[in-house]
Amino acid sequence: MISRLNRIEGQIRGVKGMIERDTYCDDVLNQIAAIQSALNSVGKLLLEGHMKSCVVERIQAGESEVIDELLITVNKLMK
């Protein structure tokens, strides 16, 4: 997960440099799309881990409100 985030951080720095160098807009937009895809991938991994651990534990503890919290989080991720 950390290596993915480090790679994304590098991509963002790269986009900043592209903008500073006045790179062709389509090239910058393609890099932004790649960054968004990478962030979505990290989000999916985190969501999966959260559901398999935190959510399951809270449901087993009788905290059913965790489902509402999870739905709000999923809706935010899908925007």
PDB file of N, CA and C in Angstrom:
ATOM      1  N   MET A   1       0.829  -1.178   0.000  1.00  0.00           N
ATOM      2  CA  MET A   1       0.000   0.000   0.000  1.00  0.00           C
ATOM      3  C   MET A   1       0.885   1.259   0.000  1.00  0.00           C
ATOM      4  N   ILE A   2       1.911   1.273   0.832  1.00  0.00           N
ATOM      5  CA  ILE A   2       2.798   2.434   0.904  1.00  0.00           C
ATOM      6  C   ILE A   2       3.519   2.639  -0.417  1.00  0.00           C
ATOM      7  N   SER A   3       3.965   1.558  -1.046  1.00  0.00           N
ATOM      8  CA  SER A   3       4.673   1.711  -2.317  1.00  0.00           C
ATOM      9  C   SER A   3       3.735   2.265  -3.391  1.00  0.00           C
ATOM     10  N   ARG A   4       2.490   1.849  -3.374  1.00  0.00           N
ATOM     11  CA  ARG A   4       1.518   2.402  -4.318  1.00  0.00           C
ATOM     12  C   ARG A   4       1.325   3.892  -4.082  1.00  0.00           C
ATOM     13  N   LEU A   5       1.198   4.272  -2.817  1.00  0.00           N
ATOM     14  CA  LEU A   5       1.021   5.689  -2.494  1.00  0.00           C
ATOM     15  C   LEU A   5       2.250   6.502  -2.860  1.00  0.00           C
ATOM     16  N   ASN A   6       3.429   5.933  -2.659  1.00  0.00           N
ATOM     17  CA  ASN A   6       4.661   6.625  -3.059  1.00  0.00           C
ATOM     18  C   ASN A   6       4.705   6.837  -4.574  1.00  0.00           C
ATOM     19  N   ARG A   7       4.261   5.824  -5.308  1.00  0.00           N
ATOM     20  CA  ARG A   7       4.231   5.935  -6.765  1.00  0.00           C
ATOM     21  C   ARG A   7       3.239   7.022  -7.203  1.00  0.00           C
ATOM     22  N   ILE A   8       2.078   7.068  -6.548  1.00  0.00           N
ATOM     23  CA  ILE A   8       1.072   8.096  -6.845  1.00  0.00           C
ATOM     24  C   ILE A   8       1.627   9.481  -6.531  1.00  0.00           C
ATOM     25  N   GLU A   9       2.309   9.591  -5.410  1.00  0.00           N
ATOM     26  CA  GLU A   9       2.926  10.868  -5.030  1.00  0.00           C
ATOM     27  C   GLU A   9       3.906  11.329  -6.111  1.00  0.00           C
ATOM     28  N   GLY A  10       4.687  10.392  -6.626  1.00  0.00           N
ATOM     29  CA  GLY A  10       5.618  10.722  -7.700  1.00  0.00           C
ATOM     30  C   GLY A  10       4.898  11.150  -8.966  1.00  0.00           C
ATOM     31  N   GLN A  11       3.788  10.481  -9.268  1.00  0.00           N
ATOM     32  CA  GLN A  11       3.003  10.860 -10.445  1.00  0.00           C
ATOM     33  C   GLN A  11       2.452  12.282 -10.295  1.00  0.00           C
ATOM     34  N   ILE A  12       2.007  12.619  -9.109  1.00  0.00           N
ATOM     35  CA  ILE A  12       1.466  13.960  -8.872  1.00  0.00           C
ATOM     36  C   ILE A  12       2.560  15.007  -9.042  1.00  0.00           C
ATOM     37  N   ARG A  13       3.738  14.720  -8.509  1.00  0.00           N
ATOM     38  CA  ARG A  13       4.861  15.641  -8.716  1.00  0.00           C
ATOM     39  C   ARG A  13       5.176  15.777 -10.206  1.00  0.00           C
ATOM     40  N   GLY A  14       5.067  14.667 -10.925  1.00  0.00           N
ATOM     41  CA  GLY A  14       5.299  14.692 -12.359  1.00  0.00           C
ATOM     42  C   GLY A  14       4.298  15.569 -13.091  1.00  0.00           C
ATOM     43  N   VAL A  15       3.041  15.495 -12.698  1.00  0.00           N
ATOM     44  CA  VAL A  15       2.007  16.331 -13.313  1.00  0.00           C
ATOM     45  C   VAL A  15       2.276  17.799 -13.010  1.00  0.00           C
ATOM     46  N   LYS A  16       2.682  18.078 -11.785  1.00  0.00           N
ATOM     47  CA  LYS A  16       3.016  19.460 -11.431  1.00  0.00           C
ATOM     48  C   LYS A  16       4.126  19.980 -12.347  1.00  0.00           C
ATOM     49  N   GLY A  17       5.140  19.156 -12.561  1.00  0.00           N
ATOM     50  CA  GLY A  17       6.237  19.540 -13.442  1.00  0.00           C
ATOM     51  C   GLY A  17       5.770  19.734 -14.876  1.00  0.00           C
ATOM     52  N   MET A  18       4.855  18.876 -15.308  1.00  0.00           N
ATOM     53  CA  MET A  18       4.316  19.009 -16.664  1.00  0.00           C
ATOM     54  C   MET A  18       3.598  20.348 -16.833  1.00  0.00           C
ATOM     55  N   ILE A  19       2.840  20.721 -15.822  1.00  0.00           N
ATOM     56  CA  ILE A  19       2.105  21.991 -15.886  1.00  0.00           C
ATOM     57  C   ILE A  19       3.085  23.160 -15.860  1.00  0.00           C
ATOM     58  N   GLU A  20       4.112  23.053 -15.017  1.00  0.00           N
ATOM     59  CA  GLU A  20       5.129  24.125 -14.961  1.00  0.00           C
ATOM     60  C   GLU A  20       5.845  24.280 -16.304  1.00  0.00           C
ATOM     61  N   ARG A  21       6.007  23.172 -17.030  1.00  0.00           N
ATOM     62  CA  ARG A  21       6.685  23.207 -18.339  1.00  0.00           C
ATOM     63  C   ARG A  21       5.712  23.479 -19.487  1.00  0.00           C
ATOM     64  N   ASP A  22       4.443  23.722 -19.134  1.00  0.00           N
ATOM     65  CA  ASP A  22       3.408  24.018 -20.125  1.00  0.00           C
ATOM     66  C   ASP A  22       3.276  22.885 -21.148  1.00  0.00           C
ATOM     67  N   THR A  23       3.240  21.659 -20.621  1.00  0.00           N
ATOM     68  CA  THR A  23       3.099  20.464 -21.457  1.00  0.00           C
ATOM     69  C   THR A  23       1.710  20.441 -22.092  1.00  0.00           C
ATOM     70  N   TYR A  24       1.616  19.824 -23.246  1.00  0.00           N
ATOM     71  CA  TYR A  24       0.359  19.680 -23.972  1.00  0.00           C
ATOM     72  C   TYR A  24      -0.726  19.140 -23.038  1.00  0.00           C
ATOM     73  N   CYS A  25      -1.874  19.821 -23.032  1.00  0.00           N
ATOM     74  CA  CYS A  25      -2.950  19.526 -22.067  1.00  0.00           C
ATOM     75  C   CYS A  25      -3.401  18.066 -22.095  1.00  0.00           C
ATOM     76  N   ASP A  26      -3.512  17.486 -23.265  1.00  0.00           N
ATOM     77  CA  ASP A  26      -3.978  16.102 -23.368  1.00  0.00           C
ATOM     78  C   ASP A  26      -3.032  15.150 -22.640  1.00  0.00           C
ATOM     79  N   ASP A  27      -1.752  15.406 -22.714  1.00  0.00           N
ATOM     80  CA  ASP A  27      -0.774  14.570 -22.007  1.00  0.00           C
ATOM     81  C   ASP A  27      -0.943  14.683 -20.495  1.00  0.00           C
ATOM     82  N   VAL A  28      -1.199  15.900 -20.027  1.00  0.00           N
ATOM     83  CA  VAL A  28      -1.417  16.115 -18.588  1.00  0.00           C
ATOM     84  C   VAL A  28      -2.698  15.415 -18.152  1.00  0.00           C
ATOM     85  N   LEU A  29      -3.742  15.550 -18.929  1.00  0.00           N
ATOM     86  CA  LEU A  29      -5.022  14.915 -18.589  1.00  0.00           C
ATOM     87  C   LEU A  29      -4.896  13.397 -18.542  1.00  0.00           C
ATOM     88  N   ASN A  30      -4.103  12.827 -19.439  1.00  0.00           N
ATOM     89  CA  ASN A  30      -3.888  11.377 -19.413  1.00  0.00           C
ATOM     90  C   ASN A  30      -3.165  10.946 -18.142  1.00  0.00           C
ATOM     91  N   GLN A  31      -2.225  11.746 -17.694  1.00  0.00           N
ATOM     92  CA  GLN A  31      -1.524  11.437 -16.442  1.00  0.00           C
ATOM     93  C   GLN A  31      -2.462  11.556 -15.249  1.00  0.00           C
ATOM     94  N   ILE A  32      -3.335  12.557 -15.272  1.00  0.00           N
ATOM     95  CA  ILE A  32      -4.309  12.718 -14.190  1.00  0.00           C
ATOM     96  C   ILE A  32      -5.252  11.518 -14.143  1.00  0.00           C
ATOM     97  N   ALA A  33      -5.673  11.037 -15.306  1.00  0.00           N
ATOM     98  CA  ALA A  33      -6.532   9.849 -15.363  1.00  0.00           C
ATOM     99  C   ALA A  33      -5.819   8.637 -14.762  1.00  0.00           C
ATOM    100  N   ALA A  34      -4.536   8.500 -15.039  1.00  0.00           N
ATOM    101  CA  ALA A  34      -3.765   7.390 -14.477  1.00  0.00           C
ATOM    102  C   ALA A  34      -3.675   7.501 -12.955  1.00  0.00           C
ATOM    103  N   ILE A  35      -3.494   8.721 -12.458  1.00  0.00           N
ATOM    104  CA  ILE A  35      -3.428   8.940 -11.012  1.00  0.00           C
ATOM    105  C   ILE A  35      -4.766   8.604 -10.367  1.00  0.00           C
ATOM    106  N   GLN A  36      -5.859   9.030 -10.988  1.00  0.00           N
ATOM    107  CA  GLN A  36      -7.184   8.727 -10.442  1.00  0.00           C
ATOM    108  C   GLN A  36      -7.421   7.223 -10.375  1.00  0.00           C
ATOM    109  N   SER A  37      -7.003   6.517 -11.408  1.00  0.00           N
ATOM    110  CA  SER A  37      -7.148   5.068 -11.435  1.00  0.00           C
ATOM    111  C   SER A  37      -6.329   4.421 -10.315  1.00  0.00           C
ATOM    112  N   ALA A  38      -5.120   4.902 -10.119  1.00  0.00           N
ATOM    113  CA  ALA A  38      -4.259   4.360  -9.060  1.00  0.00           C
ATOM    114  C   ALA A  38      -4.861   4.635  -7.685  1.00  0.00           C
ATOM    115  N   LEU A  39      -5.401   5.826  -7.485  1.00  0.00           N
ATOM    116  CA  LEU A  39      -6.042   6.147  -6.206  1.00  0.00           C
ATOM    117  C   LEU A  39      -7.274   5.279  -5.976  1.00  0.00           C
ATOM    118  N   ASN A  40      -8.048   5.050  -7.023  1.00  0.00           N
ATOM    119  CA  ASN A  40      -9.214   4.174  -6.901  1.00  0.00           C
ATOM    120  C   ASN A  40      -8.794   2.767  -6.496  1.00  0.00           C
ATOM    121  N   SER A  41      -7.689   2.302  -7.036  1.00  0.00           N
ATOM    122  CA  SER A  41      -7.184   0.976  -6.698  1.00  0.00           C
ATOM    123  C   SER A  41      -6.813   0.892  -5.215  1.00  0.00           C
ATOM    124  N   VAL A  42      -6.142   1.917  -4.716  1.00  0.00           N
ATOM    125  CA  VAL A  42      -5.788   1.957  -3.292  1.00  0.00           C
ATOM    126  C   VAL A  42      -7.056   2.004  -2.440  1.00  0.00           C
ATOM    127  N   GLY A  43      -8.019   2.808  -2.867  1.00  0.00           N
ATOM    128  CA  GLY A  43      -9.286   2.900  -2.134  1.00  0.00           C
ATOM    129  C   GLY A  43     -10.007   1.571  -2.060  1.00  0.00           C
ATOM    130  N   LYS A  44     -10.009   0.826  -3.159  1.00  0.00           N
ATOM    131  CA  LYS A  44     -10.656  -0.490  -3.166  1.00  0.00           C
ATOM    132  C   LYS A  44      -9.972  -1.445  -2.196  1.00  0.00           C
ATOM    133  N   LEU A  45      -8.651  -1.419  -2.176  1.00  0.00           N
ATOM    134  CA  LEU A  45      -7.918  -2.294  -1.249  1.00  0.00           C
ATOM    135  C   LEU A  45      -8.220  -1.940   0.205  1.00  0.00           C
ATOM    136  N   LEU A  46      -8.237  -0.643   0.493  1.00  0.00           N
ATOM    137  CA  LEU A  46      -8.543  -0.210   1.855  1.00  0.00           C
ATOM    138  C   LEU A  46      -9.967  -0.575   2.250  1.00  0.00           C
ATOM    139  N   LEU A  47     -10.904  -0.383   1.330  1.00  0.00           N
ATOM    140  CA  LEU A  47     -12.297  -0.715   1.606  1.00  0.00           C
ATOM    141  C   LEU A  47     -12.455  -2.206   1.879  1.00  0.00           C
ATOM    142  N   GLU A  48     -11.788  -3.024   1.080  1.00  0.00           N
ATOM    143  CA  GLU A  48     -11.855  -4.468   1.286  1.00  0.00           C
ATOM    144  C   GLU A  48     -11.332  -4.856   2.663  1.00  0.00           C
ATOM    145  N   GLY A  49     -10.192  -4.312   3.034  1.00  0.00           N
ATOM    146  CA  GLY A  49      -9.634  -4.605   4.350  1.00  0.00           C
ATOM    147  C   GLY A  49     -10.526  -4.117   5.475  1.00  0.00           C
ATOM    148  N   HIS A  50     -11.100  -2.946   5.287  1.00  0.00           N
ATOM    149  CA  HIS A  50     -11.997  -2.372   6.294  1.00  0.00           C
ATOM    150  C   HIS A  50     -13.224  -3.271   6.489  1.00  0.00           C
ATOM    151  N   MET A  51     -13.783  -3.742   5.372  1.00  0.00           N
ATOM    152  CA  MET A  51     -14.978  -4.580   5.466  1.00  0.00           C
ATOM    153  C   MET A  51     -14.667  -5.931   6.112  1.00  0.00           C
ATOM    154  N   LYS A  52     -13.506  -6.483   5.793  1.00  0.00           N
ATOM    155  CA  LYS A  52     -13.150  -7.803   6.322  1.00  0.00           C
ATOM    156  C   LYS A  52     -12.727  -7.767   7.779  1.00  0.00           C
ATOM    157  N   SER A  53     -12.359  -6.597   8.271  1.00  0.00           N
ATOM    158  CA  SER A  53     -11.910  -6.536   9.665  1.00  0.00           C
ATOM    159  C   SER A  53     -12.832  -5.650  10.496  1.00  0.00           C
ATOM    160  N   CYS A  54     -12.705  -4.373  10.364  1.00  0.00           N
ATOM    161  CA  CYS A  54     -13.428  -3.424  11.225  1.00  0.00           C
ATOM    162  C   CYS A  54     -14.943  -3.612  11.166  1.00  0.00           C
ATOM    163  N   VAL A  55     -15.480  -3.709   9.955  1.00  0.00           N
ATOM    164  CA  VAL A  55     -16.937  -3.810   9.812  1.00  0.00           C
ATOM    165  C   VAL A  55     -17.442  -5.120  10.409  1.00  0.00           C
ATOM    166  N   VAL A  56     -16.771  -6.221  10.100  1.00  0.00           N
ATOM    167  CA  VAL A  56     -17.183  -7.519  10.636  1.00  0.00           C
ATOM    168  C   VAL A  56     -17.129  -7.504  12.160  1.00  0.00           C
ATOM    169  N   GLU A  57     -16.061  -6.969  12.706  1.00  0.00           N
ATOM    170  CA  GLU A  57     -15.924  -6.920  14.173  1.00  0.00           C
ATOM    171  C   GLU A  57     -17.032  -6.104  14.807  1.00  0.00           C
ATOM    172  N   ARG A  58     -17.364  -4.972  14.212  1.00  0.00           N
ATOM    173  CA  ARG A  58     -18.405  -4.122  14.793  1.00  0.00           C
ATOM    174  C   ARG A  58     -19.795  -4.758  14.667  1.00  0.00           C
ATOM    175  N   ILE A  59     -20.047  -5.457  13.569  1.00  0.00           N
ATOM    176  CA  ILE A  59     -21.327  -6.160  13.428  1.00  0.00           C
ATOM    177  C   ILE A  59     -21.423  -7.267  14.468  1.00  0.00           C
ATOM    178  N   GLN A  60     -20.326  -8.004  14.655  1.00  0.00           N
ATOM    179  CA  GLN A  60     -20.320  -9.066  15.661  1.00  0.00           C
ATOM    180  C   GLN A  60     -20.505  -8.506  17.064  1.00  0.00           C
ATOM    181  N   ALA A  61     -20.093  -7.263  17.282  1.00  0.00           N
ATOM    182  CA  ALA A  61     -20.261  -6.625  18.588  1.00  0.00           C
ATOM    183  C   ALA A  61     -21.650  -5.995  18.728  1.00  0.00           C
ATOM    184  N   GLY A  62     -22.488  -6.159  17.705  1.00  0.00           N
ATOM    185  CA  GLY A  62     -23.845  -5.646  17.775  1.00  0.00           C
ATOM    186  C   GLY A  62     -23.988  -4.197  17.339  1.00  0.00           C
ATOM    187  N   GLU A  63     -22.971  -3.641  16.727  1.00  0.00           N
ATOM    188  CA  GLU A  63     -23.000  -2.238  16.296  1.00  0.00           C
ATOM    189  C   GLU A  63     -23.464  -2.155  14.843  1.00  0.00           C
ATOM    190  N   SER A  64     -24.771  -2.295  14.638  1.00  0.00           N
ATOM    191  CA  SER A  64     -25.302  -2.337  13.277  1.00  0.00           C
ATOM    192  C   SER A  64     -25.211  -0.989  12.557  1.00  0.00           C
ATOM    193  N   GLU A  65     -24.978   0.099  13.285  1.00  0.00           N
ATOM    194  CA  GLU A  65     -24.848   1.414  12.636  1.00  0.00           C
ATOM    195  C   GLU A  65     -23.631   1.479  11.714  1.00  0.00           C
ATOM    196  N   VAL A  66     -22.731   0.519  11.857  1.00  0.00           N
ATOM    197  CA  VAL A  66     -21.561   0.479  10.994  1.00  0.00           C
ATOM    198  C   VAL A  66     -21.974   0.308   9.526  1.00  0.00           C
ATOM    199  N   ILE A  67     -23.107  -0.324   9.283  1.00  0.00           N
ATOM    200  CA  ILE A  67     -23.588  -0.502   7.906  1.00  0.00           C
ATOM    201  C   ILE A  67     -23.906   0.854   7.289  1.00  0.00           C
ATOM    202  N   ASP A  68     -24.579   1.723   8.048  1.00  0.00           N
ATOM    203  CA  ASP A  68     -24.881   3.066   7.543  1.00  0.00           C
ATOM    204  C   ASP A  68     -23.600   3.848   7.274  1.00  0.00           C
ATOM    205  N   GLU A  69     -22.631   3.738   8.168  1.00  0.00           N
ATOM    206  CA  GLU A  69     -21.343   4.411   7.970  1.00  0.00           C
ATOM    207  C   GLU A  69     -20.655   3.894   6.704  1.00  0.00           C
ATOM    208  N   LEU A  70     -20.701   2.584   6.510  1.00  0.00           N
ATOM    209  CA  LEU A  70     -20.084   1.976   5.343  1.00  0.00           C
ATOM    210  C   LEU A  70     -20.750   2.448   4.053  1.00  0.00           C
ATOM    211  N   LEU A  71     -22.073   2.534   4.061  1.00  0.00           N
ATOM    212  CA  LEU A  71     -22.795   3.002   2.870  1.00  0.00           C
ATOM    213  C   LEU A  71     -22.422   4.443   2.531  1.00  0.00           C
ATOM    214  N   ILE A  72     -22.269   5.283   3.527  1.00  0.00           N
ATOM    215  CA  ILE A  72     -21.854   6.664   3.295  1.00  0.00           C
ATOM    216  C   ILE A  72     -20.455   6.691   2.685  1.00  0.00           C
ATOM    217  N   THR A  73     -19.570   5.896   3.231  1.00  0.00           N
ATOM    218  CA  THR A  73     -18.197   5.825   2.716  1.00  0.00           C
ATOM    219  C   THR A  73     -18.171   5.330   1.277  1.00  0.00           C
ATOM    220  N   VAL A  74     -18.913   4.281   0.974  1.00  0.00           N
ATOM    221  CA  VAL A  74     -18.946   3.743  -0.387  1.00  0.00           C
ATOM    222  C   VAL A  74     -19.493   4.800  -1.354  1.00  0.00           C
ATOM    223  N   ASN A  75     -20.531   5.515  -0.938  1.00  0.00           N
ATOM    224  CA  ASN A  75     -21.077   6.575  -1.792  1.00  0.00           C
ATOM    225  C   ASN A  75     -20.039   7.660  -2.078  1.00  0.00           C
ATOM    226  N   LYS A  76     -19.242   7.995  -1.080  1.00  0.00           N
ATOM    227  CA  LYS A  76     -18.180   9.008  -1.282  1.00  0.00           C
ATOM    228  C   LYS A  76     -17.139   8.492  -2.265  1.00  0.00           C
ATOM    229  N   LEU A  77     -16.792   7.219  -2.147  1.00  0.00           N
ATOM    230  CA  LEU A  77     -15.787   6.636  -3.042  1.00  0.00           C
ATOM    231  C   LEU A  77     -16.267   6.550  -4.485  1.00  0.00           C
ATOM    232  N   MET A  78     -17.570   6.433  -4.653  1.00  0.00           N
ATOM    233  CA  MET A  78     -18.120   6.253  -5.997  1.00  0.00           C
ATOM    234  C   MET A  78     -18.372   7.570  -6.738  1.00  0.00           C
ATOM    235  N   LYS A  79     -18.180   8.684  -6.074  1.00  0.00           N
ATOM    236  CA  LYS A  79     -18.390   9.987  -6.729  1.00  0.00           C
ATOM    237  C   LYS A  79     -17.335  10.270  -7.735  1.00  0.00           C
TER     238      LYS A  79
END
